[in-house]
C-alpha atoms as a PDB file:
ATOM      1  CA  MET A   1       0.097  -0.075   0.344  1.00  0.00           C
ATOM      2  CA  THR A   2       1.370   3.583  -1.052  1.00  0.00           C
ATOM      3  CA  THR A   3       0.651   6.198   1.100  1.00  0.00           C
ATOM      4  CA  PRO A   4      -1.720   9.297  -0.621  1.00  0.00           C
ATOM      5  CA  ALA A   5       0.519  12.789  -0.613  1.00  0.00           C
ATOM      6  CA  VAL A   6      -1.361  14.628   1.388  1.00  0.00           C
ATOM      7  CA  PRO A   7      -1.419  17.375   4.218  1.00  0.00           C
ATOM      8  CA  VAL A   8      -2.902  15.152   7.230  1.00  0.00           C
ATOM      9  CA  HIS A   9      -3.313  10.978   7.925  1.00  0.00           C
ATOM     10  CA  LEU A  10      -5.695   9.612  10.584  1.00  0.00           C
ATOM     11  CA  VAL A  11      -4.691   6.029  10.933  1.00  0.00           C
ATOM     12  CA  LYS A  12      -7.898   4.595  13.724  1.00  0.00           C
ATOM     13  CA  GLY A  13      -8.914   1.233  14.517  1.00  0.00           C
ATOM     14  CA  GLU A  14      -9.666  -0.883  17.555  1.00  0.00           C
ATOM     15  CA  ASP A  15      -6.439  -2.765  18.214  1.00  0.00           C
ATOM     16  CA  PRO A  16      -4.109  -1.161  19.970  1.00  0.00           C
ATOM     17  CA  SER A  17      -0.806  -2.816  17.676  1.00  0.00           C
ATOM     18  CA  LEU A  18      -2.790  -2.690  14.264  1.00  0.00           C
ATOM     19  CA  VAL A  19      -2.725   0.847  14.472  1.00  0.00           C
ATOM     20  CA  GLN A  20       0.914   1.121  15.850  1.00  0.00           C
ATOM     21  CA  ASP A  21       1.765  -0.657  12.963  1.00  0.00           C
ATOM     22  CA  ALA A  22      -0.090   1.186  10.522  1.00  0.00           C
ATOM     23  CA  LEU A  23       1.010   4.638  11.812  1.00  0.00           C
ATOM     24  CA  SER A  24       4.943   3.345  11.662  1.00  0.00           C
ATOM     25  CA  ARG A  25       4.335   1.842   8.111  1.00  0.00           C
ATOM     26  CA  ILE A  26       3.077   5.162   7.159  1.00  0.00           C
ATOM     27  CA  ILE A  27       5.622   7.416   8.571  1.00  0.00           C
ATOM     28  CA  HIS A  28       8.380   5.230   7.192  1.00  0.00           C
ATOM     29  CA  GLU A  29       6.922   5.880   3.805  1.00  0.00           C
ATOM     30  CA  LEU A  30       6.927   9.723   4.573  1.00  0.00           C
ATOM     31  CA  ALA A  31      10.108  10.137   6.087  1.00  0.00           C
ATOM     32  CA  GLY A  32      12.433   6.813   4.947  1.00  0.00           C
ATOM     33  CA  ASP A  33      15.298   7.221   6.845  1.00  0.00           C
ATOM     34  CA  ASP A  34      15.659  10.852   7.482  1.00  0.00           C
ATOM     35  CA  ALA A  35      15.150  11.180  11.082  1.00  0.00           C
ATOM     36  CA  PHE A  36      14.845  15.176  11.327  1.00  0.00           C
ATOM     37  CA  ALA A  37      11.583  15.251   9.366  1.00  0.00           C
ATOM     38  CA  ILE A  38       9.979  13.479  12.135  1.00  0.00           C
ATOM     39  CA  GLU A  39       8.977  15.421  15.120  1.00  0.00           C
ATOM     40  CA  ASP A  40       6.540  13.555  17.602  1.00  0.00           C
ATOM     41  CA  VAL A  41       4.568  15.611  20.388  1.00  0.00           C
ATOM     42  CA  SER A  42       2.610  12.955  21.415  1.00  0.00           C
ATOM     43  CA  ASP A  43       3.645  13.762  25.159  1.00  0.00           C
ATOM     44  CA  ALA A  44       4.461  17.181  24.794  1.00  0.00           C
ATOM     45  CA  PRO A  45       2.542  19.482  27.920  1.00  0.00           C
ATOM     46  CA  GLU A  46      -0.229  20.510  25.203  1.00  0.00           C
ATOM     47  CA  PRO A  47       0.038  17.977  22.837  1.00  0.00           C
ATOM     48  CA  VAL A  48      -2.897  19.869  20.227  1.00  0.00           C
ATOM     49  CA  ALA A  49      -1.111  23.239  20.253  1.00  0.00           C
ATOM     50  CA  ALA A  50       2.298  21.464  20.155  1.00  0.00           C
ATOM     51  CA  ALA A  51       1.182  19.546  16.826  1.00  0.00           C
ATOM     52  CA  VAL A  52      -0.629  22.783  15.659  1.00  0.00           C
ATOM     53  CA  ASP A  53       2.708  24.788  16.297  1.00  0.00           C
ATOM     54  CA  ALA A  54       4.969  22.299  14.419  1.00  0.00           C
ATOM     55  CA  CYS A  55       2.977  21.904  11.299  1.00  0.00           C
ATOM     56  CA  ARG A  56       3.297  25.525  11.100  1.00  0.00           C
ATOM     57  CA  THR A  57       7.017  25.911  11.570  1.00  0.00           C
ATOM     58  CA  LEU A  58       9.634  25.653   8.758  1.00  0.00           C
ATOM     59  CA  PRO A  59      11.227  22.235   8.407  1.00  0.00           C
ATOM     60  CA  PHE A  60      14.810  21.814   9.425  1.00  0.00           C
ATOM     61  CA  LEU A  61      17.347  19.987   7.357  1.00  0.00           C
ATOM     62  CA  ALA A  62      14.259  18.081   5.639  1.00  0.00           C
ATOM     63  CA  ASP A  63      12.006  19.207   2.628  1.00  0.00           C
ATOM     64  CA  GLN A  64       8.952  18.549   5.220  1.00  0.00           C
ATOM     65  CA  ARG A  65       7.999  17.928   8.813  1.00  0.00           C
ATOM     66  CA  ILE A  66       6.368  14.605   9.729  1.00  0.00           C
ATOM     67  CA  VAL A  67       4.266  15.766  13.022  1.00  0.00           C
ATOM     68  CA  VAL A  68       2.871  12.953  14.837  1.00  0.00           C
ATOM     69  CA  LEU A  69       0.104  13.202  17.399  1.00  0.00           C
ATOM     70  CA  ARG A  70      -1.383   9.264  19.161  1.00  0.00           C
ATOM     71  CA  ASP A  71      -4.190   8.924  21.119  1.00  0.00           C
ATOM     72  CA  VAL A  72      -6.270  11.690  19.398  1.00  0.00           C
ATOM     73  CA  GLY A  73      -9.301   9.907  21.321  1.00  0.00           C
ATOM     74  CA  ARG A  74      -8.220  11.199  24.794  1.00  0.00           C
ATOM     75  CA  PHE A  75      -8.885  14.730  23.661  1.00  0.00           C
ATOM     76  CA  ARG A  76     -12.225  16.262  23.807  1.00  0.00           C
ATOM     77  CA  THR A  77     -14.037  18.330  20.948  1.00  0.00           C
ATOM     78  CA  GLU A  78     -13.432  21.673  22.286  1.00  0.00           C
ATOM     79  CA  GLU A  79      -9.792  20.557  22.459  1.00  0.00           C
ATOM     80  CA  LEU A  80      -9.443  20.131  18.755  1.00  0.00           C
ATOM     81  CA  VAL A  81     -10.757  23.371  17.701  1.00  0.00           C
ATOM     82  CA  SER A  82      -7.409  24.656  16.914  1.00  0.00           C
ATOM     83  CA  LEU A  83      -6.562  21.542  15.092  1.00  0.00           C
ATOM     84  CA  SER A  84      -9.665  21.274  12.860  1.00  0.00           C
ATOM     85  CA  GLU A  85      -8.872  24.987  12.500  1.00  0.00           C
ATOM     86  CA  TYR A  86      -5.442  24.117  11.083  1.00  0.00           C
ATOM     87  CA  LEU A  87      -7.472  21.223   8.706  1.00  0.00           C
ATOM     88  CA  ASP A  88      -9.191  24.507   7.061  1.00  0.00           C
ATOM     89  CA  ASP A  89      -5.978  25.570   5.759  1.00  0.00           C
ATOM     90  CA  PRO A  90      -2.759  22.833   6.167  1.00  0.00           C
ATOM     91  CA  SER A  91       0.372  24.082   5.444  1.00  0.00           C
ATOM     92  CA  PRO A  92       2.482  22.722   2.501  1.00  0.00           C
ATOM     93  CA  THR A  93       5.710  21.981   4.729  1.00  0.00           C
ATOM     94  CA  ALA A  94       3.932  19.881   6.928  1.00  0.00           C
ATOM     95  CA  VAL A  95       2.240  16.324   6.926  1.00  0.00           C
ATOM     96  CA  LEU A  96       0.276  15.368  10.444  1.00  0.00           C
ATOM     97  CA  VAL A  97      -0.077  11.809  10.842  1.00  0.00           C
ATOM     98  CA  LEU A  98      -2.555  11.242  13.566  1.00  0.00           C
ATOM     99  CA  ALA A  99      -3.327   7.962  15.798  1.00  0.00           C
ATOM    100  CA  ALA A 100      -6.620   6.825  17.369  1.00  0.00           C
ATOM    101  CA  GLY A 101      -6.303   5.698  21.031  1.00  0.00           C
ATOM    102  CA  GLY A 102      -7.009   6.853  24.336  1.00  0.00           C
ATOM    103  CA  GLY A 103     -10.771   6.810  23.813  1.00  0.00           C
ATOM    104  CA  GLN A 104     -13.120   7.457  21.179  1.00  0.00           C
ATOM    105  CA  THR A 105     -11.809   9.592  18.362  1.00  0.00           C
ATOM    106  CA  SER A 106     -14.035  12.758  17.363  1.00  0.00           C
ATOM    107  CA  GLN A 107     -16.170  12.240  14.832  1.00  0.00           C
ATOM    108  CA  LYS A 108     -15.747  16.068  13.696  1.00  0.00           C
ATOM    109  CA  LEU A 109     -11.812  15.730  13.469  1.00  0.00           C
ATOM    110  CA  THR A 110     -12.608  12.452  11.172  1.00  0.00           C
ATOM    111  CA  ALA A 111     -14.479  14.336   8.869  1.00  0.00           C
ATOM    112  CA  ALA A 112     -12.222  16.991   8.956  1.00  0.00           C
ATOM    113  CA  VAL A 113      -9.626  14.880   8.081  1.00  0.00           C
ATOM    114  CA  ARG A 114     -11.713  13.197   5.442  1.00  0.00           C
ATOM    115  CA  LYS A 115     -11.964  16.421   3.609  1.00  0.00           C
ATOM    116  CA  VAL A 116      -8.133  17.271   3.170  1.00  0.00           C
ATOM    117  CA  GLY A 117      -6.342  14.387   3.903  1.00  0.00           C
ATOM    118  CA  HIS A 118      -6.477  10.279   4.159  1.00  0.00           C
ATOM    119  CA  VAL A 119      -8.102   7.860   6.864  1.00  0.00           C
ATOM    120  CA  THR A 120      -6.479   4.800   7.430  1.00  0.00           C
ATOM    121  CA  ASP A 121      -9.189   2.250   9.300  1.00  0.00           C
ATOM    122  CA  VAL A 122      -7.654  -1.006  10.386  1.00  0.00           C
ATOM    123  CA  THR A 123     -10.666  -2.464  12.456  1.00  0.00           C
ATOM    124  CA  VAL A 124     -10.589  -5.998  11.958  1.00  0.00           C
ATOM    125  CA  PRO A 125     -14.369  -7.364  10.575  1.00  0.00           C
ATOM    126  CA  ALA A 126     -16.496  -9.577  12.408  1.00  0.00           C
ATOM    127  CA  GLY A 127     -17.443 -12.797  11.554  1.00  0.00           C
ATOM    128  CA  LYS A 128     -16.718 -13.941   8.181  1.00  0.00           C
ATOM    129  CA  GLY A 129     -15.400 -10.767   7.151  1.00  0.00           C
ATOM    130  CA  ARG A 130     -12.280 -11.551   9.945  1.00  0.00           C
ATOM    131  CA  ALA A 131     -11.836 -14.218   7.426  1.00  0.00           C
ATOM    132  CA  THR A 132     -11.633 -12.355   4.494  1.00  0.00           C
ATOM    133  CA  TRP A 133      -9.288  -9.935   6.190  1.00  0.00           C
ATOM    134  CA  ILE A 134      -6.631 -12.293   7.407  1.00  0.00           C
ATOM    135  CA  ALA A 135      -6.614 -13.676   3.992  1.00  0.00           C
ATOM    136  CA  ASP A 136      -5.960 -10.359   2.665  1.00  0.00           C
ATOM    137  CA  GLN A 137      -2.989 -10.104   5.260  1.00  0.00           C
ATOM    138  CA  LEU A 138      -1.485 -13.514   4.307  1.00  0.00           C
ATOM    139  CA  LYS A 139      -1.795 -12.893   0.386  1.00  0.00           C
ATOM    140  CA  GLY A 140       0.459  -9.175   0.941  1.00  0.00           C
ATOM    141  CA  ALA A 141       2.675 -10.925   3.506  1.00  0.00           C
ATOM    142  CA  ARG A 142       6.618 -11.543   2.317  1.00  0.00           C
ATOM    143  CA  VAL A 143       5.917 -15.470   3.027  1.00  0.00           C
ATOM    144  CA  LYS A 144       3.709 -17.712   1.924  1.00  0.00           C
ATOM    145  CA  LEU A 145       1.831 -20.335   4.042  1.00  0.00           C
ATOM    146  CA  GLU A 146       0.403 -23.699   3.054  1.00  0.00           C
ATOM    147  CA  ARG A 147      -3.281 -24.046   3.360  1.00  0.00           C
ATOM    148  CA  ALA A 148      -3.006 -26.188   6.591  1.00  0.00           C
ATOM    149  CA  ALA A 149      -0.432 -23.680   8.161  1.00  0.00           C
ATOM    150  CA  ALA A 150      -3.020 -20.761   7.498  1.00  0.00           C
ATOM    151  CA  ASP A 151      -5.500 -22.464   8.875  1.00  0.00           C
ATOM    152  CA  GLN A 152      -4.261 -23.009  12.166  1.00  0.00           C
ATOM    153  CA  LEU A 153      -2.463 -19.798  12.315  1.00  0.00           C
ATOM    154  CA  SER A 154      -5.612 -18.191  12.005  1.00  0.00           C
ATOM    155  CA  THR A 155      -7.739 -20.816  14.697  1.00  0.00           C
ATOM    156  CA  HIS A 156      -4.539 -19.998  17.057  1.00  0.00           C
ATOM    157  CA  LEU A 157      -4.806 -16.424  17.242  1.00  0.00           C
ATOM    158  CA  GLY A 158      -8.355 -16.270  17.528  1.00  0.00           C
ATOM    159  CA  GLU A 159      -9.860 -12.523  18.608  1.00  0.00           C
ATOM    160  CA  ASP A 160      -6.056 -11.942  19.015  1.00  0.00           C
ATOM    161  CA  THR A 161      -5.379 -10.323  15.456  1.00  0.00           C
ATOM    162  CA  GLY A 162      -3.077  -7.647  16.317  1.00  0.00           C
ATOM    163  CA  ARG A 163      -1.079  -9.939  16.573  1.00  0.00           C
ATOM    164  CA  LEU A 164      -0.333 -11.273  12.637  1.00  0.00           C
ATOM    165  CA  PRO A 165       1.530  -8.031  10.970  1.00  0.00           C
ATOM    166  CA  GLY A 166       4.027  -8.910  13.262  1.00  0.00           C
ATOM    167  CA  LEU A 167       4.104 -12.757  13.339  1.00  0.00           C
ATOM    168  CA  LEU A 168       4.321 -12.408   9.813  1.00  0.00           C
ATOM    169  CA  ALA A 169       7.324  -9.923   9.551  1.00  0.00           C
ATOM    170  CA  MET A 170       8.846 -12.461  12.007  1.00  0.00           C
ATOM    171  CA  LEU A 171       8.422 -15.503   9.890  1.00  0.00           C
ATOM    172  CA  ALA A 172      10.135 -13.586   7.096  1.00  0.00           C
ATOM    173  CA  ALA A 173      12.845 -12.799   9.026  1.00  0.00           C
ATOM    174  CA  ALA A 174      13.305 -16.239  10.103  1.00  0.00           C
ATOM    175  CA  TYR A 175      13.276 -17.912   6.578  1.00  0.00           C
ATOM    176  CA  GLY A 176      13.504 -15.271   4.449  1.00  0.00           C
ATOM    177  CA  ASP A 177      10.931 -13.486   1.644  1.00  0.00           C
ATOM    178  CA  GLY A 178       9.097 -16.153  -0.088  1.00  0.00           C
ATOM    179  CA  ALA A 179       9.430 -18.796   1.604  1.00  0.00           C
ATOM    180  CA  LYS A 180       6.534 -21.457   1.638  1.00  0.00           C
ATOM    181  CA  LEU A 181       5.794 -22.367   5.483  1.00  0.00           C
ATOM    182  CA  GLY A 182       4.093 -25.279   6.583  1.00  0.00           C
ATOM    183  CA  VAL A 183       2.852 -26.339  10.123  1.00  0.00           C
ATOM    184  CA  GLU A 184       5.822 -27.181  11.245  1.00  0.00           C
ATOM    185  CA  GLU A 185       7.924 -24.255  10.284  1.00  0.00           C
ATOM    186  CA  ILE A 186       5.246 -21.926  12.128  1.00  0.00           C
ATOM    187  CA  GLU A 187       4.477 -23.683  15.471  1.00  0.00           C
ATOM    188  CA  PRO A 188       7.514 -22.675  16.973  1.00  0.00           C
ATOM    189  CA  PHE A 189       6.865 -18.648  16.815  1.00  0.00           C
ATOM    190  CA  LEU A 190       2.809 -19.094  17.146  1.00  0.00           C
ATOM    191  CA  GLY A 191       3.389 -18.449  21.268  1.00  0.00           C
ATOM    192  CA  ASP A 192      -0.178 -18.638  23.428  1.00  0.00           C
ATOM    193  CA  ALA A 193      -3.132 -19.216  21.979  1.00  0.00           C
ATOM    194  CA  GLY A 194      -5.507 -15.813  21.614  1.00  0.00           C
ATOM    195  CA  GLY A 195      -8.631 -15.071  23.149  1.00  0.00           C
ATOM    196  CA  VAL A 196     -11.575 -16.786  21.229  1.00  0.00           C
ATOM    197  CA  ALA A 197     -15.469 -14.623  20.677  1.00  0.00           C
ATOM    198  CA  PRO A 198     -18.049 -15.817  23.313  1.00  0.00           C
ATOM    199  CA  TRP A 199     -19.707 -17.867  20.324  1.00  0.00           C
ATOM    200  CA  ASP A 200     -16.992 -20.311  20.358  1.00  0.00           C
ATOM    201  CA  LEU A 201     -17.461 -20.847  23.635  1.00  0.00           C
ATOM    202  CA  THR A 202     -21.435 -21.220  23.924  1.00  0.00           C
ATOM    203  CA  ASP A 203     -21.456 -23.003  19.971  1.00  0.00           C
ATOM    204  CA  ALA A 204     -19.000 -25.849  21.750  1.00  0.00           C
ATOM    205  CA  ILE A 205     -21.192 -26.048  24.863  1.00  0.00           C
ATOM    206  CA  ASP A 206     -24.508 -26.362  23.036  1.00  0.00           C
ATOM    207  CA  SER A 207     -22.523 -29.280  20.415  1.00  0.00           C
ATOM    208  CA  GLY A 208     -21.999 -31.152  23.414  1.00  0.00           C
ATOM    209  CA  ALA A 209     -18.277 -31.063  22.811  1.00  0.00           C
ATOM    210  CA  THR A 210     -16.913 -31.025  26.320  1.00  0.00           C
ATOM    211  CA  GLU A 211     -13.013 -30.902  25.707  1.00  0.00           C
ATOM    212  CA  LEU A 212     -13.298 -28.287  22.846  1.00  0.00           C
ATOM    213  CA  ALA A 213     -15.775 -25.921  25.302  1.00  0.00           C
ATOM    214  CA  ILE A 214     -13.236 -26.133  28.304  1.00  0.00           C
ATOM    215  CA  ASN A 215     -10.471 -25.491  25.653  1.00  0.00           C
ATOM    216  CA  GLN A 216     -12.439 -22.450  24.616  1.00  0.00           C
ATOM    217  CA  LEU A 217     -12.980 -21.177  27.831  1.00  0.00           C
ATOM    218  CA  HIS A 218      -9.259 -21.476  28.810  1.00  0.00           C
ATOM    219  CA  ARG A 219      -8.660 -19.046  25.854  1.00  0.00           C
ATOM    220  CA  MET A 220     -11.446 -16.263  26.588  1.00  0.00           C
ATOM    221  CA  VAL A 221      -9.888 -16.001  30.300  1.00  0.00           C
ATOM    222  CA  ALA A 222      -6.189 -16.634  29.561  1.00  0.00           C
ATOM    223  CA  GLY A 223      -6.175 -15.296  25.637  1.00  0.00           C
ATOM    224  CA  GLY A 224      -9.167 -12.716  25.816  1.00  0.00           C
ATOM    225  CA  GLU A 225      -7.985 -11.536  29.270  1.00  0.00           C
ATOM    226  CA  ARG A 226     -12.124 -11.944  30.280  1.00  0.00           C
ATOM    227  CA  HIS A 227     -13.362 -11.135  33.746  1.00  0.00           C
ATOM    228  CA  PRO A 228     -15.109 -14.969  35.130  1.00  0.00           C
ATOM    229  CA  LEU A 229     -17.980 -13.155  35.884  1.00  0.00           C
ATOM    230  CA  VAL A 230     -17.875 -11.521  32.045  1.00  0.00           C
ATOM    231  CA  VAL A 231     -17.464 -14.972  30.848  1.00  0.00           C
ATOM    232  CA  MET A 232     -20.580 -15.663  33.510  1.00  0.00           C
ATOM    233  CA  ALA A 233     -22.577 -13.029  31.905  1.00  0.00           C
ATOM    234  CA  THR A 234     -22.007 -14.317  28.303  1.00  0.00           C
ATOM    235  CA  LEU A 235     -23.243 -17.671  29.525  1.00  0.00           C
ATOM    236  CA  HIS A 236     -26.395 -16.252  31.715  1.00  0.00           C
ATOM    237  CA  ARG A 237     -27.433 -14.047  28.717  1.00  0.00           C
ATOM    238  CA  HIS A 238     -26.941 -17.659  26.246  1.00  0.00           C
ATOM    239  CA  TYR A 239     -29.373 -19.465  28.388  1.00  0.00           C
ATOM    240  CA  ALA A 240     -32.203 -16.562  29.114  1.00  0.00           C
ATOM    241  CA  SER A 241     -32.441 -16.311  25.530  1.00  0.00           C
ATOM    242  CA  MET A 242     -32.855 -20.218  25.069  1.00  0.00           C
ATOM    243  CA  LEU A 243     -35.858 -20.002  27.992  1.00  0.00           C
ATOM    244  CA  ARG A 244     -37.359 -17.025  26.912  1.00  0.00           C
ATOM    245  CA  LEU A 245     -38.103 -18.813  23.687  1.00  0.00           C
ATOM    246  CA  ASP A 246     -39.120 -22.064  25.213  1.00  0.00           C
ATOM    247  CA  GLY A 247     -42.961 -22.236  25.097  1.00  0.00           C
ATOM    248  CA  SER A 248     -43.371 -18.807  23.567  1.00  0.00           C
ATOM    249  CA  GLY A 249     -45.259 -20.240  20.347  1.00  0.00           C
ATOM    250  CA  VAL A 250     -42.380 -18.598  18.491  1.00  0.00           C
ATOM    251  CA  THR A 251     -41.870 -20.242  14.730  1.00  0.00           C
ATOM    252  CA  ASN A 252     -39.330 -18.985  13.228  1.00  0.00           C
ATOM    253  CA  GLU A 253     -36.001 -16.702  13.088  1.00  0.00           C
ATOM    254  CA  ASN A 254     -37.788 -13.717  12.597  1.00  0.00           C
ATOM    255  CA  GLU A 255     -40.396 -14.180  15.683  1.00  0.00           C
ATOM    256  CA  ALA A 256     -37.383 -15.295  17.432  1.00  0.00           C
ATOM    257  CA  ALA A 257     -35.470 -12.302  16.511  1.00  0.00           C
ATOM    258  CA  ALA A 258     -38.405  -9.860  17.182  1.00  0.00           C
ATOM    259  CA  LEU A 259     -38.885 -11.352  20.877  1.00  0.00           C
ATOM    260  CA  LEU A 260     -35.233 -11.259  21.760  1.00  0.00           C
ATOM    261  CA  GLY A 261     -34.760  -7.790  20.129  1.00  0.00           C
ATOM    262  CA  ALA A 262     -31.504  -9.671  18.291  1.00  0.00           C
ATOM    263  CA  LYS A 263     -30.494 -10.523  14.898  1.00  0.00           C
ATOM    264  CA  PRO A 264     -31.770 -12.762  12.762  1.00  0.00           C
ATOM    265  CA  TYR A 265     -29.432 -15.818  12.730  1.00  0.00           C
ATOM    266  CA  PRO A 266     -28.120 -15.790  16.680  1.00  0.00           C
ATOM    267  CA  ALA A 267     -31.911 -15.829  17.450  1.00  0.00           C
ATOM    268  CA  LYS A 268     -32.060 -19.157  15.061  1.00  0.00           C
ATOM    269  CA  LYS A 269     -29.470 -20.691  16.652  1.00  0.00           C
ATOM    270  CA  ALA A 270     -31.215 -19.960  19.931  1.00  0.00           C
ATOM    271  CA  LEU A 271     -34.385 -21.376  18.870  1.00  0.00           C
ATOM    272  CA  ASN A 272     -32.777 -24.456  17.348  1.00  0.00           C
ATOM    273  CA  GLN A 273     -30.854 -25.054  20.781  1.00  0.00           C
ATOM    274  CA  SER A 274     -34.009 -24.585  22.661  1.00  0.00           C
ATOM    275  CA  ARG A 275     -35.733 -27.043  21.047  1.00  0.00           C
ATOM    276  CA  ARG A 276     -32.985 -29.133  21.551  1.00  0.00           C
ATOM    277  CA  LEU A 277     -32.557 -29.067  25.372  1.00  0.00           C
ATOM    278  CA  GLY A 278     -36.021 -28.966  26.183  1.00  0.00           C
ATOM    279  CA  ARG A 279     -37.290 -27.714  29.156  1.00  0.00           C
ATOM    280  CA  ALA A 280     -35.919 -29.553  31.763  1.00  0.00           C
ATOM    281  CA  ALA A 281     -32.253 -29.277  30.827  1.00  0.00           C
ATOM    282  CA  LEU A 282     -33.141 -25.535  30.317  1.00  0.00           C
ATOM    283  CA  GLY A 283     -34.306 -25.246  33.668  1.00  0.00           C
ATOM    284  CA  ARG A 284     -30.968 -27.565  34.867  1.00  0.00           C
ATOM    285  CA  ALA A 285     -28.612 -25.082  33.157  1.00  0.00           C
ATOM    286  CA  ILE A 286     -30.421 -22.076  34.945  1.00  0.00           C
ATOM    287  CA  GLU A 287     -29.802 -23.902  38.159  1.00  0.00           C
ATOM    288  CA  LEU A 288     -26.261 -24.980  37.255  1.00  0.00           C
ATOM    289  CA  LEU A 289     -25.801 -20.934  36.291  1.00  0.00           C
ATOM    290  CA  ALA A 290     -27.032 -19.978  39.278  1.00  0.00           C
ATOM    291  CA  ALA A 291     -24.823 -22.240  41.982  1.00  0.00           C
ATOM    292  CA  ALA A 292     -21.601 -21.269  40.044  1.00  0.00           C
ATOM    293  CA  ASP A 293     -22.467 -17.612  40.450  1.00  0.00           C
ATOM    294  CA  LEU A 294     -22.678 -18.016  43.809  1.00  0.00           C
ATOM    295  CA  ASP A 295     -19.613 -19.845  44.195  1.00  0.00           C
ATOM    296  CA  LEU A 296     -17.832 -17.057  41.855  1.00  0.00           C
ATOM    297  CA  ARG A 297     -18.787 -14.708  44.579  1.00  0.00           C
ATOM    298  CA  GLY A 298     -17.330 -16.503  47.578  1.00  0.00           C
ATOM    299  CA  ALA A 299     -19.644 -19.617  48.344  1.00  0.00           C
ATOM    300  CA  SER A 300     -16.964 -21.932  47.777  1.00  0.00           C
ATOM    301  CA  ALA A 301     -13.136 -22.332  48.486  1.00  0.00           C
ATOM    302  CA  TRP A 302     -12.964 -23.471  44.665  1.00  0.00           C
ATOM    303  CA  PRO A 303     -10.996 -21.311  42.507  1.00  0.00           C
ATOM    304  CA  GLU A 304     -12.648 -19.467  40.134  1.00  0.00           C
ATOM    305  CA  GLU A 305     -11.203 -21.342  37.102  1.00  0.00           C
ATOM    306  CA  LEU A 306     -12.372 -24.383  38.244  1.00  0.00           C
ATOM    307  CA  VAL A 307     -15.656 -23.167  39.120  1.00  0.00           C
ATOM    308  CA  LEU A 308     -15.737 -22.427  35.213  1.00  0.00           C
ATOM    309  CA  GLU A 309     -14.479 -24.923  34.044  1.00  0.00           C
ATOM    310  CA  VAL A 310     -16.949 -27.698  35.829  1.00  0.00           C
ATOM    311  CA  LEU A 311     -19.599 -25.081  34.866  1.00  0.00           C
ATOM    312  CA  VAL A 312     -19.029 -25.703  31.328  1.00  0.00           C
ATOM    313  CA  ALA A 313     -18.113 -29.264  31.206  1.00  0.00           C
ATOM    314  CA  ARG A 314     -21.478 -30.023  33.166  1.00  0.00           C
ATOM    315  CA  LEU A 315     -23.446 -27.296  30.191  1.00  0.00           C
ATOM    316  CA  SER A 316     -21.764 -29.025  27.616  1.00  0.00           C
ATOM    317  CA  ARG A 317     -23.405 -32.814  29.134  1.00  0.00           C
ATOM    318  CA  LEU A 318     -26.813 -31.236  28.968  1.00  0.00           C
ATOM    319  CA  ALA A 319     -26.469 -31.231  25.111  1.00  0.00           C
ATOM    320  CA  PRO A 320     -28.364 -34.091  23.670  1.00  0.00           C
ATOM    321  CA  ARG A 321     -26.006 -36.455  21.795  1.00  0.00           C
ATOM    322  CA  ALA A 322     -27.015 -37.210  18.333  1.00  0.00           C
ATOM    323  CA  GLY A 323     -30.011 -39.005  17.671  1.00  0.00           C
ATOM    324  CA  ALA A 324     -31.490 -38.247  20.838  1.00  0.00           C
ATOM    325  CA  ARG A 325     -35.030 -37.032  21.509  1.00  0.00           C
ATOM    326  CA  THR A 326     -36.364 -34.418  23.704  1.00  0.00           C
ATOM    327  CA  HIS A 327     -39.268 -33.326  25.362  1.00  0.00           C
ATOM    328  CA  SER A 328     -40.721 -29.644  26.532  1.00  0.00           C
END
């Protein structure tokens, strides 16, 4: 990707690693190896004022001045007035590079940048879009992964997609540009498994795959850094949705979506699983959740991890095996 020749750039996204990676690339493409051209004002006493002043100052020992301001989400809209005014008449001898972080980036600032500059959005799409995003990253990588290696990499990263650019760069440094790598070559570089989405855990529980469900639980708590009570809230919502559908008279995914206030696809999953479990198993699930909730809040001396592991194992065993029939 070539960086456009514009007076201002904004890098936005939710993953700090991806924002930093894109920011570094843009700065390098703009300044090359000319360290004199770069002025990072992110830690100045008054960063916004410092950024505007630096942009208005003629470059020294360089053709243009690259002014960097990170974590623009930390500034309130009123603090960005001088920056917005600058963007109405940007200096021809400076390029301002802004990076998201520190909070929600001002929509007014984003709109102002779009008028005269370029916005690089490194947000990773959810669902199927995530797989497409990873495939695009792999296509542009300096190394080529065999299908099995690419699949293992995607599964291993889980939600921790911010590690992907650095991991690909590490593989290129280790094996050289153009190297074709299989599972054996990439495994030593993978490190700890990344977090997984909540539905990866609930899907495993619903399918009755106890071992997989516990593995997904570990990745949520460790790789995803979710507090045990957050995991409990996820499970409570999951079974509460099924309980609402049980005996409601709902017959299809659209009716289920309307009742739950959810999108049709997750509503359909909840409806189907509610039917598979039946009223007795749903009631047992609620009892297990209530007991585990009390245990996490001090009713048991068990460690939090053990409470969740036992809960997930018991919930997964409520799922009917293939060919089993349930009765409401």
